[in-house]
N, C-alpha and C. Protein backbone atom coordinates (compact mmCIF):
# COMPACT_ATOMS: atom_id res chain seq x y z
N UNK A 1 0.86 -1.24 -0.16
CA UNK A 1 -0.11 0.04 0.03
C UNK A 1 0.79 1.28 -0.05
N UNK A 2 0.40 2.09 -0.90
CA UNK A 2 1.24 3.47 -0.98
C UNK A 2 1.00 4.36 0.24
N UNK A 3 2.11 5.10 0.63
CA UNK A 3 1.91 5.95 1.59
C UNK A 3 1.99 7.49 0.97
N UNK A 4 1.12 8.41 1.33
CA UNK A 4 1.08 9.62 0.73
C UNK A 4 -0.17 9.82 -0.19
N UNK A 5 -0.12 10.86 -0.90
CA UNK A 5 -1.08 11.15 -1.71
C UNK A 5 -0.97 10.64 -3.22
N UNK A 6 -1.95 9.99 -3.67
CA UNK A 6 -2.07 9.37 -5.18
C UNK A 6 -2.83 10.62 -5.83
N UNK A 7 -2.29 11.34 -6.93
CA UNK A 7 -2.90 12.23 -7.50
C UNK A 7 -4.25 11.96 -8.10
N UNK A 8 -4.18 10.82 -8.91
CA UNK A 8 -5.37 10.29 -9.56
C UNK A 8 -6.49 9.88 -8.65
N UNK A 9 -6.21 9.35 -7.47
CA UNK A 9 -7.17 8.89 -6.53
C UNK A 9 -7.65 10.24 -5.86
N UNK A 10 -6.76 11.16 -5.66
CA UNK A 10 -7.33 12.56 -5.09
C UNK A 10 -8.20 13.18 -5.90
N UNK A 11 -8.08 13.24 -7.17
CA UNK A 11 -8.90 13.75 -8.18
C UNK A 11 -10.23 13.04 -8.20
N UNK A 12 -10.28 11.80 -8.32
CA UNK A 12 -11.44 11.02 -8.13
C UNK A 12 -12.17 11.32 -7.09
N UNK A 13 -11.65 11.23 -5.84
CA UNK A 13 -12.31 11.74 -4.52
C UNK A 13 -12.84 13.08 -4.60
N UNK A 14 -12.09 14.01 -5.17
CA UNK A 14 -12.77 15.46 -5.17
C UNK A 14 -13.81 15.55 -6.14
N UNK A 15 -13.85 14.63 -7.29
CA UNK A 15 -15.01 14.76 -8.28
C UNK A 15 -16.13 14.20 -7.60
N UNK A 16 -16.00 13.26 -6.72
CA UNK A 16 -17.22 12.51 -6.20
C UNK A 16 -17.87 13.41 -5.08
N UNK A 17 -16.91 14.12 -4.41
CA UNK A 17 -17.32 15.05 -3.36
C UNK A 17 -18.11 16.16 -3.88
N UNK A 18 -17.47 16.57 -5.10
CA UNK A 18 -18.20 17.76 -5.69
C UNK A 18 -19.44 17.48 -6.46
N UNK A 19 -19.83 16.20 -6.57
CA UNK A 19 -20.94 15.68 -7.32
C UNK A 19 -22.21 15.67 -6.24
N UNK A 20 -21.87 15.64 -4.98
CA UNK A 20 -23.01 15.52 -4.21
C UNK A 20 -23.35 16.98 -3.80
N UNK A 21 -24.81 16.94 -3.77
CA UNK A 21 -25.56 18.23 -3.54
C UNK A 21 -26.26 18.09 -2.26
N UNK A 22 -26.16 19.28 -1.56
CA UNK A 22 -26.88 19.25 -0.16
C UNK A 22 -27.98 20.28 -0.49
N UNK A 23 -29.15 19.60 -0.11
CA UNK A 23 -30.35 20.52 -0.38
C UNK A 23 -30.85 20.87 0.99
N UNK A 24 -31.08 22.10 1.05
CA UNK A 24 -31.77 22.81 2.28
C UNK A 24 -33.18 22.35 2.41
N UNK A 25 -33.57 22.34 3.63
CA UNK A 25 -35.01 21.89 3.92
C UNK A 25 -36.05 22.95 3.57
N UNK A 26 -37.06 22.86 3.30
CA UNK A 26 -38.19 23.94 3.21
C UNK A 26 -37.90 24.68 1.99
N UNK A 27 -38.44 25.96 2.02
CA UNK A 27 -38.57 26.89 0.96
C UNK A 27 -37.32 27.17 0.05
N UNK A 28 -36.20 27.13 0.80
CA UNK A 28 -34.79 27.39 0.23
C UNK A 28 -34.41 26.18 -0.43
N UNK A 29 -34.88 25.10 -0.07
CA UNK A 29 -34.52 23.82 -0.84
C UNK A 29 -35.13 23.88 -2.12
N UNK A 30 -36.36 24.24 -2.26
CA UNK A 30 -37.09 24.30 -3.57
C UNK A 30 -36.55 25.54 -4.44
N UNK A 31 -36.03 26.48 -3.73
CA UNK A 31 -35.45 27.58 -4.56
C UNK A 31 -34.13 27.05 -5.09
N UNK A 32 -33.30 26.30 -4.41
CA UNK A 32 -32.00 25.87 -4.86
C UNK A 32 -32.21 24.87 -5.94
N UNK A 33 -33.33 23.93 -5.84
CA UNK A 33 -33.54 23.05 -6.97
C UNK A 33 -33.94 23.75 -8.34
N UNK A 34 -34.77 24.76 -8.19
CA UNK A 34 -35.20 25.63 -9.35
C UNK A 34 -34.01 26.11 -9.98
N UNK A 35 -33.00 26.72 -9.10
CA UNK A 35 -31.87 27.32 -9.64
C UNK A 35 -30.97 26.49 -10.40
N UNK A 36 -30.83 25.26 -9.73
CA UNK A 36 -30.01 24.23 -10.46
C UNK A 36 -30.52 23.85 -11.68
N UNK A 37 -31.96 23.79 -11.83
CA UNK A 37 -32.64 23.25 -13.13
C UNK A 37 -32.41 24.44 -14.02
N UNK A 38 -32.51 25.69 -13.65
CA UNK A 38 -32.25 26.68 -14.62
C UNK A 38 -30.88 26.86 -15.18
N UNK A 39 -29.83 26.53 -14.25
CA UNK A 39 -28.47 26.46 -14.58
C UNK A 39 -28.20 25.32 -15.71
N UNK A 40 -28.77 24.17 -15.48
CA UNK A 40 -28.57 23.15 -16.54
C UNK A 40 -29.21 23.66 -17.90
N UNK A 41 -30.35 24.32 -17.85
CA UNK A 41 -30.91 24.75 -19.18
C UNK A 41 -30.02 25.76 -19.72
N UNK A 42 -29.50 26.76 -19.02
CA UNK A 42 -28.66 27.85 -19.40
C UNK A 42 -27.55 27.49 -20.08
N UNK A 43 -26.78 26.34 -19.39
CA UNK A 43 -25.48 25.86 -19.91
C UNK A 43 -25.63 24.99 -20.95
N UNK A 44 -26.58 24.71 -21.57
CA UNK A 44 -26.76 23.93 -22.71
C UNK A 44 -26.53 24.67 -23.87
N UNK A 45 -25.91 24.09 -24.98
CA UNK A 45 -25.51 24.69 -26.19
C UNK A 45 -26.75 25.02 -27.08
N UNK A 46 -27.71 24.25 -26.91
CA UNK A 46 -29.07 24.67 -27.62
C UNK A 46 -29.61 25.98 -27.16
N UNK A 47 -29.56 26.24 -25.93
CA UNK A 47 -29.91 27.49 -25.30
C UNK A 47 -29.14 28.65 -26.01
N UNK A 48 -27.81 28.70 -26.16
CA UNK A 48 -27.08 29.52 -26.79
C UNK A 48 -27.68 29.69 -28.22
N UNK A 49 -27.73 28.57 -28.89
CA UNK A 49 -28.24 28.59 -30.42
C UNK A 49 -29.53 29.34 -30.39
N UNK A 50 -30.51 28.99 -29.45
CA UNK A 50 -31.95 29.72 -29.54
C UNK A 50 -31.72 31.16 -29.30
N UNK A 51 -30.81 31.67 -28.40
CA UNK A 51 -30.62 33.04 -28.15
C UNK A 51 -30.08 33.76 -29.44
N UNK A 52 -29.17 33.11 -30.00
CA UNK A 52 -28.58 33.61 -31.22
C UNK A 52 -29.61 33.79 -32.35
N UNK A 53 -30.47 32.78 -32.46
CA UNK A 53 -31.51 32.82 -33.42
C UNK A 53 -32.52 33.99 -33.03
N UNK A 54 -32.86 34.19 -31.76
CA UNK A 54 -33.74 35.28 -31.33
C UNK A 54 -33.13 36.53 -31.68
N UNK A 55 -31.88 36.70 -31.36
CA UNK A 55 -31.30 38.15 -31.82
C UNK A 55 -31.09 38.45 -33.21
N UNK A 56 -30.97 37.33 -34.16
CA UNK A 56 -31.10 37.47 -35.55
C UNK A 56 -32.49 37.72 -36.07
N UNK A 57 -33.41 37.09 -35.47
CA UNK A 57 -34.86 37.30 -35.82
C UNK A 57 -35.27 38.62 -35.36
N UNK A 58 -34.73 39.19 -34.30
CA UNK A 58 -35.20 40.45 -33.82
C UNK A 58 -34.67 41.55 -34.77
N UNK A 59 -33.32 41.23 -35.18
CA UNK A 59 -32.86 42.22 -36.21
C UNK A 59 -33.61 42.32 -37.47
N UNK A 60 -33.95 41.20 -38.12
CA UNK A 60 -34.63 41.14 -39.15
C UNK A 60 -36.02 41.81 -38.99
N UNK A 61 -36.66 41.52 -38.04
CA UNK A 61 -38.07 42.02 -37.91
C UNK A 61 -37.87 43.54 -37.75
N UNK A 62 -36.97 44.10 -37.00
CA UNK A 62 -36.84 45.52 -36.81
C UNK A 62 -36.47 46.29 -38.09
N UNK A 63 -35.73 45.53 -39.09
CA UNK A 63 -35.25 46.06 -40.30
C UNK A 63 -36.39 46.29 -41.25
N UNK A 64 -37.27 45.22 -41.00
CA UNK A 64 -38.54 45.22 -41.96
C UNK A 64 -39.32 46.25 -41.72
N UNK A 65 -39.27 46.90 -40.45
CA UNK A 65 -40.35 47.98 -40.18
C UNK A 65 -39.86 49.26 -40.87
N UNK A 66 -38.48 49.35 -41.27
CA UNK A 66 -38.03 50.60 -41.92
C UNK A 66 -37.84 50.38 -43.42
N UNK A 67 -38.12 49.09 -43.92
CA UNK A 67 -37.92 48.99 -45.36
C UNK A 67 -39.01 49.59 -46.24
N UNK A 68 -38.35 50.38 -47.10
CA UNK A 68 -39.22 51.10 -48.10
C UNK A 68 -39.75 52.40 -47.72
N UNK A 69 -39.23 52.95 -46.71
CA UNK A 69 -39.68 54.32 -46.20
C UNK A 69 -39.27 55.30 -47.16
N UNK A 70 -40.03 56.32 -47.44
CA UNK A 70 -39.63 57.48 -48.41
C UNK A 70 -38.66 58.15 -47.62
N UNK A 71 -37.80 58.93 -48.42
CA UNK A 71 -36.88 59.78 -47.79
C UNK A 71 -37.54 61.00 -47.04
N UNK A 72 -38.68 61.59 -47.56
CA UNK A 72 -39.33 62.58 -46.87
C UNK A 72 -39.75 62.11 -45.54
N UNK A 73 -40.23 60.94 -45.35
CA UNK A 73 -40.75 60.58 -44.00
C UNK A 73 -39.59 60.36 -43.05
N UNK A 74 -38.51 59.86 -43.66
CA UNK A 74 -37.36 59.43 -42.91
C UNK A 74 -36.70 60.76 -42.38
N UNK A 75 -36.61 61.90 -43.15
CA UNK A 75 -36.03 63.05 -42.67
C UNK A 75 -36.96 63.78 -41.59
N UNK A 76 -38.18 63.34 -41.48
CA UNK A 76 -39.15 63.90 -40.43
C UNK A 76 -38.95 63.26 -39.10
N UNK A 77 -38.20 62.21 -39.06
CA UNK A 77 -38.06 61.42 -37.85
C UNK A 77 -37.09 62.09 -36.95
N UNK A 78 -36.27 63.03 -37.57
CA UNK A 78 -35.18 63.57 -36.61
C UNK A 78 -35.79 64.56 -35.49
């Protein structure tokens, strides 16, 4: 048996300890569970793709609102 720290074993133990979640009782336990749920959704790559699509769609929709405006109307907006 080895005496001292084994780096691989230490990393395995730390990963297992970090995987354990402690849930408080009562209202704050529900809040923490909800926050963990939201974090898992936000960290997903599909969420990033959805946000990028929304930004592009918003840009297109806003640009369509000013498409074909006559120069006379455009100068009156200042």
